[in-house]
Amino acid sequence: MKHRLAVVLVSGMVAAGLAFAQDKAPKKKSGDAKSVTVRLAQQNKSGESGTARLTPAGDKTKVEISLKGAPKGVAQPAHVHEGSCAKLDPKPKYGLENVVDGKSTTEVPASIQTLTAGKLAINVHKSADEAKVYVACGNIRKGGEAKKTSSKKMEK
């Protein structure tokens, strides 16, 4: 009888300890942000298109651009602008690292929630010398889907 009581007591303490340890484990918040992929469509018949992946990094966001059809060895300025690809505010909201050989990685000083809450777009320029020529653009949306616009609007 004493043996059973000891087993029951020890089992109860072990179960309570496990329950306590599980309470201390970090829990994922249901509102945790996930990565968003923005499709970058070609502009001005550039032949350049691809994606920009936005990944949460606390109160910042990592932006990784990957373009197909980009020229080799050319530094192409890229920015986040207010507005949409059809009508960008010419003043950049956030600068991004130049796209070189189709790749760029930047940490933007804004949360992913901030970037996906407003009307913002990512655009890439032909080069520093030809900054007025846009070669690719994508509207940032909550789900990451670029808003569909006619190709005539996209090719200014």
C-alpha atoms as a PDB file:
ATOM      1  CA  MET A   1       0.000   0.000   0.000  1.00  0.00           C
ATOM      2  CA  LYS A   2       2.832   2.406   0.884  1.00  0.00           C
ATOM      3  CA  HIS A   3       4.542   1.500  -2.373  1.00  0.00           C
ATOM      4  CA  ARG A   4       1.427   2.418  -4.423  1.00  0.00           C
ATOM      5  CA  LEU A   5       1.064   5.710  -2.594  1.00  0.00           C
ATOM      6  CA  ALA A   6       4.709   6.578  -3.300  1.00  0.00           C
ATOM      7  CA  VAL A   7       4.287   5.707  -7.005  1.00  0.00           C
ATOM      8  CA  VAL A   8       1.149   7.860  -7.247  1.00  0.00           C
ATOM      9  CA  LEU A   9       2.864  10.796  -5.498  1.00  0.00           C
ATOM     10  CA  VAL A  10       5.994  10.578  -7.687  1.00  0.00           C
ATOM     11  CA  SER A  11       3.864  10.267 -10.850  1.00  0.00           C
ATOM     12  CA  GLY A  12       1.845  13.321  -9.817  1.00  0.00           C
ATOM     13  CA  MET A  13       4.996  15.370  -9.212  1.00  0.00           C
ATOM     14  CA  VAL A  14       6.490  14.340 -12.568  1.00  0.00           C
ATOM     15  CA  ALA A  15       3.256  15.240 -14.387  1.00  0.00           C
ATOM     16  CA  ALA A  16       3.103  18.608 -12.617  1.00  0.00           C
ATOM     17  CA  GLY A  17       6.740  19.290 -13.504  1.00  0.00           C
ATOM     18  CA  LEU A  18       6.126  18.488 -17.172  1.00  0.00           C
ATOM     19  CA  ALA A  19       3.062  20.721 -17.247  1.00  0.00           C
ATOM     20  CA  PHE A  20       5.070  23.553 -15.663  1.00  0.00           C
ATOM     21  CA  ALA A  21       7.927  23.086 -18.157  1.00  0.00           C
ATOM     22  CA  GLN A  22       5.480  23.238 -21.096  1.00  0.00           C
ATOM     23  CA  ASP A  23       4.031  26.505 -19.782  1.00  0.00           C
ATOM     24  CA  LYS A  24       7.544  28.022 -19.863  1.00  0.00           C
ATOM     25  CA  ALA A  25       8.202  26.969 -23.488  1.00  0.00           C
ATOM     26  CA  PRO A  26       7.960  29.877 -25.941  1.00  0.00           C
ATOM     27  CA  LYS A  27       4.648  29.922 -27.716  1.00  0.00           C
ATOM     28  CA  LYS A  28       4.103  31.194 -31.219  1.00  0.00           C
ATOM     29  CA  LYS A  29       1.676  34.056 -31.335  1.00  0.00           C
ATOM     30  CA  SER A  30      -1.179  33.508 -33.708  1.00  0.00           C
ATOM     31  CA  GLY A  31      -0.472  36.946 -35.187  1.00  0.00           C
ATOM     32  CA  ASP A  32       3.202  36.250 -36.001  1.00  0.00           C
ATOM     33  CA  ALA A  33       4.029  37.636 -39.419  1.00  0.00           C
ATOM     34  CA  LYS A  34       5.116  35.382 -42.230  1.00  0.00           C
ATOM     35  CA  SER A  35       7.194  36.096 -45.299  1.00  0.00           C
ATOM     36  CA  VAL A  36       5.516  37.796 -48.232  1.00  0.00           C
ATOM     37  CA  THR A  37       6.545  37.397 -51.866  1.00  0.00           C
ATOM     38  CA  VAL A  38       5.977  40.303 -54.252  1.00  0.00           C
ATOM     39  CA  ARG A  39       5.979  39.561 -57.972  1.00  0.00           C
ATOM     40  CA  LEU A  40       8.085  42.035 -59.914  1.00  0.00           C
ATOM     41  CA  ALA A  41       6.747  42.502 -63.439  1.00  0.00           C
ATOM     42  CA  GLN A  42       8.836  43.850 -66.303  1.00  0.00           C
ATOM     43  CA  GLN A  43       8.436  47.463 -67.329  1.00  0.00           C
ATOM     44  CA  ASN A  44       9.456  49.283 -70.494  1.00  0.00           C
ATOM     45  CA  LYS A  45      10.020  45.984 -72.335  1.00  0.00           C
ATOM     46  CA  SER A  46      13.109  45.361 -70.182  1.00  0.00           C
ATOM     47  CA  GLY A  47      12.805  41.582 -70.129  1.00  0.00           C
ATOM     48  CA  GLU A  48      13.490  41.745 -66.365  1.00  0.00           C
ATOM     49  CA  SER A  49      11.040  40.134 -63.940  1.00  0.00           C
ATOM     50  CA  GLY A  50      11.188  38.177 -60.722  1.00  0.00           C
ATOM     51  CA  THR A  51      10.329  38.438 -57.040  1.00  0.00           C
ATOM     52  CA  ALA A  52      11.038  40.374 -53.890  1.00  0.00           C
ATOM     53  CA  ARG A  53      10.773  38.283 -50.727  1.00  0.00           C
ATOM     54  CA  LEU A  54       9.927  40.223 -47.572  1.00  0.00           C
ATOM     55  CA  THR A  55      10.878  38.391 -44.382  1.00  0.00           C
ATOM     56  CA  PRO A  56      10.115  39.717 -40.880  1.00  0.00           C
ATOM     57  CA  ALA A  57      13.151  40.525 -38.726  1.00  0.00           C
ATOM     58  CA  GLY A  58      11.615  41.986 -35.565  1.00  0.00           C
ATOM     59  CA  ASP A  59      10.806  45.633 -36.184  1.00  0.00           C
ATOM     60  CA  LYS A  60      12.703  45.453 -39.504  1.00  0.00           C
ATOM     61  CA  THR A  61      12.146  43.539 -42.734  1.00  0.00           C
ATOM     62  CA  LYS A  62      14.660  41.707 -44.914  1.00  0.00           C
ATOM     63  CA  VAL A  63      13.995  42.377 -48.619  1.00  0.00           C
ATOM     64  CA  GLU A  64      15.576  39.930 -51.087  1.00  0.00           C
ATOM     65  CA  ILE A  65      15.196  40.758 -54.773  1.00  0.00           C
ATOM     66  CA  SER A  66      15.753  38.114 -57.428  1.00  0.00           C
ATOM     67  CA  LEU A  67      15.426  39.153 -61.085  1.00  0.00           C
ATOM     68  CA  LYS A  68      15.696  37.095 -64.254  1.00  0.00           C
ATOM     69  CA  GLY A  69      16.943  38.867 -67.351  1.00  0.00           C
ATOM     70  CA  ALA A  70      19.024  41.426 -65.432  1.00  0.00           C
ATOM     71  CA  PRO A  71      22.222  42.624 -67.123  1.00  0.00           C
ATOM     72  CA  LYS A  72      25.528  41.205 -65.848  1.00  0.00           C
ATOM     73  CA  GLY A  73      27.656  43.529 -63.741  1.00  0.00           C
ATOM     74  CA  VAL A  74      25.283  46.511 -63.864  1.00  0.00           C
ATOM     75  CA  ALA A  75      24.274  48.094 -60.533  1.00  0.00           C
ATOM     76  CA  GLN A  76      20.539  48.750 -60.739  1.00  0.00           C
ATOM     77  CA  PRO A  77      19.089  51.037 -58.036  1.00  0.00           C
ATOM     78  CA  ALA A  78      15.985  49.720 -56.258  1.00  0.00           C
ATOM     79  CA  HIS A  79      13.558  51.346 -53.840  1.00  0.00           C
ATOM     80  CA  VAL A  80      10.292  51.021 -51.954  1.00  0.00           C
ATOM     81  CA  HIS A  81       7.983  53.855 -53.018  1.00  0.00           C
ATOM     82  CA  GLU A  82       4.584  55.033 -51.848  1.00  0.00           C
ATOM     83  CA  GLY A  83       1.873  54.460 -54.431  1.00  0.00           C
ATOM     84  CA  SER A  84       1.513  51.687 -56.967  1.00  0.00           C
ATOM     85  CA  CYS A  85       3.463  50.590 -60.016  1.00  0.00           C
ATOM     86  CA  ALA A  86       0.937  52.464 -62.144  1.00  0.00           C
ATOM     87  CA  LYS A  87       1.533  55.691 -60.177  1.00  0.00           C
ATOM     88  CA  LEU A  88       4.656  55.831 -57.989  1.00  0.00           C
ATOM     89  CA  ASP A  89       5.587  58.731 -55.774  1.00  0.00           C
ATOM     90  CA  PRO A  90       8.972  59.619 -57.329  1.00  0.00           C
ATOM     91  CA  LYS A  91      10.565  60.128 -53.899  1.00  0.00           C
ATOM     92  CA  PRO A  92      11.679  56.748 -52.454  1.00  0.00           C
ATOM     93  CA  LYS A  93      10.323  55.824 -49.024  1.00  0.00           C
ATOM     94  CA  TYR A  94      13.095  53.251 -48.401  1.00  0.00           C
ATOM     95  CA  GLY A  95      16.273  52.711 -50.365  1.00  0.00           C
ATOM     96  CA  LEU A  96      17.290  49.152 -51.192  1.00  0.00           C
ATOM     97  CA  GLU A  97      20.719  47.790 -52.044  1.00  0.00           C
ATOM     98  CA  ASN A  98      21.452  47.959 -55.772  1.00  0.00           C
ATOM     99  CA  VAL A  99      20.452  44.894 -57.749  1.00  0.00           C
ATOM    100  CA  VAL A 100      23.618  43.406 -59.237  1.00  0.00           C
ATOM    101  CA  ASP A 101      23.475  40.332 -61.476  1.00  0.00           C
ATOM    102  CA  GLY A 102      19.779  40.045 -60.572  1.00  0.00           C
ATOM    103  CA  LYS A 103      20.289  39.898 -56.773  1.00  0.00           C
ATOM    104  CA  SER A 104      19.887  42.312 -53.865  1.00  0.00           C
ATOM    105  CA  THR A 105      19.429  41.925 -50.098  1.00  0.00           C
ATOM    106  CA  THR A 106      18.518  44.798 -47.777  1.00  0.00           C
ATOM    107  CA  GLU A 107      17.218  45.171 -44.238  1.00  0.00           C
ATOM    108  CA  VAL A 108      14.544  47.883 -44.247  1.00  0.00           C
ATOM    109  CA  PRO A 109      13.859  49.833 -41.000  1.00  0.00           C
ATOM    110  CA  ALA A 110      10.134  48.997 -41.040  1.00  0.00           C
ATOM    111  CA  SER A 111       8.144  45.963 -39.887  1.00  0.00           C
ATOM    112  CA  ILE A 112       6.536  43.675 -42.426  1.00  0.00           C
ATOM    113  CA  GLN A 113       3.154  44.772 -41.037  1.00  0.00           C
ATOM    114  CA  THR A 114       4.006  48.391 -41.899  1.00  0.00           C
ATOM    115  CA  LEU A 115       5.131  47.467 -45.411  1.00  0.00           C
ATOM    116  CA  THR A 116       2.045  45.387 -46.176  1.00  0.00           C
ATOM    117  CA  ALA A 117      -0.465  47.772 -44.558  1.00  0.00           C
ATOM    118  CA  GLY A 118       0.008  50.732 -46.884  1.00  0.00           C
ATOM    119  CA  LYS A 119       0.053  51.338 -50.596  1.00  0.00           C
ATOM    120  CA  LEU A 120       3.691  50.659 -51.399  1.00  0.00           C
ATOM    121  CA  ALA A 121       5.587  49.264 -54.377  1.00  0.00           C
ATOM    122  CA  ILE A 122       9.108  48.018 -55.069  1.00  0.00           C
ATOM    123  CA  ASN A 123      10.755  49.223 -58.263  1.00  0.00           C
ATOM    124  CA  VAL A 124      14.074  48.634 -59.980  1.00  0.00           C
ATOM    125  CA  HIS A 125      15.790  51.176 -62.270  1.00  0.00           C
ATOM    126  CA  LYS A 126      17.802  50.422 -65.402  1.00  0.00           C
ATOM    127  CA  SER A 127      21.001  51.933 -63.934  1.00  0.00           C
ATOM    128  CA  ALA A 128      22.191  54.908 -61.877  1.00  0.00           C
ATOM    129  CA  ASP A 129      22.723  56.847 -65.123  1.00  0.00           C
ATOM    130  CA  GLU A 130      19.270  55.910 -66.416  1.00  0.00           C
ATOM    131  CA  ALA A 131      17.359  56.109 -63.118  1.00  0.00           C
ATOM    132  CA  LYS A 132      14.233  57.457 -64.842  1.00  0.00           C
ATOM    133  CA  VAL A 133      13.832  54.169 -66.704  1.00  0.00           C
ATOM    134  CA  TYR A 134      12.009  51.572 -64.596  1.00  0.00           C
ATOM    135  CA  VAL A 135      12.743  47.955 -65.534  1.00  0.00           C
ATOM    136  CA  ALA A 136      10.657  46.048 -62.952  1.00  0.00           C
ATOM    137  CA  CYS A 137       8.006  46.831 -60.362  1.00  0.00           C
ATOM    138  CA  GLY A 138       5.684  45.041 -57.930  1.00  0.00           C
ATOM    139  CA  ASN A 139       2.935  46.278 -55.635  1.00  0.00           C
ATOM    140  CA  ILE A 140       3.308  45.158 -52.019  1.00  0.00           C
ATOM    141  CA  ARG A 141       0.101  43.517 -50.809  1.00  0.00           C
ATOM    142  CA  LYS A 142      -0.772  41.612 -47.644  1.00  0.00           C
ATOM    143  CA  GLY A 143      -0.815  38.280 -49.475  1.00  0.00           C
ATOM    144  CA  GLY A 144       2.154  39.253 -51.620  1.00  0.00           C
ATOM    145  CA  GLU A 145       0.185  39.169 -54.833  1.00  0.00           C
ATOM    146  CA  ALA A 146       1.018  41.941 -57.245  1.00  0.00           C
ATOM    147  CA  LYS A 147      -2.156  43.727 -58.242  1.00  0.00           C
ATOM    148  CA  LYS A 148      -2.959  42.846 -61.815  1.00  0.00           C
ATOM    149  CA  THR A 149      -2.699  45.800 -64.130  1.00  0.00           C
ATOM    150  CA  SER A 150      -2.648  45.937 -67.875  1.00  0.00           C
ATOM    151  CA  SER A 151       0.772  45.739 -69.455  1.00  0.00           C
ATOM    152  CA  LYS A 152       0.221  49.139 -71.059  1.00  0.00           C
ATOM    153  CA  LYS A 153      -0.016  50.755 -67.613  1.00  0.00           C
ATOM    154  CA  MET A 154       3.092  48.919 -66.497  1.00  0.00           C
ATOM    155  CA  GLU A 155       5.105  50.032 -69.535  1.00  0.00           C
ATOM    156  CA  LYS A 156       5.414  53.775 -69.302  1.00  0.00           C
END
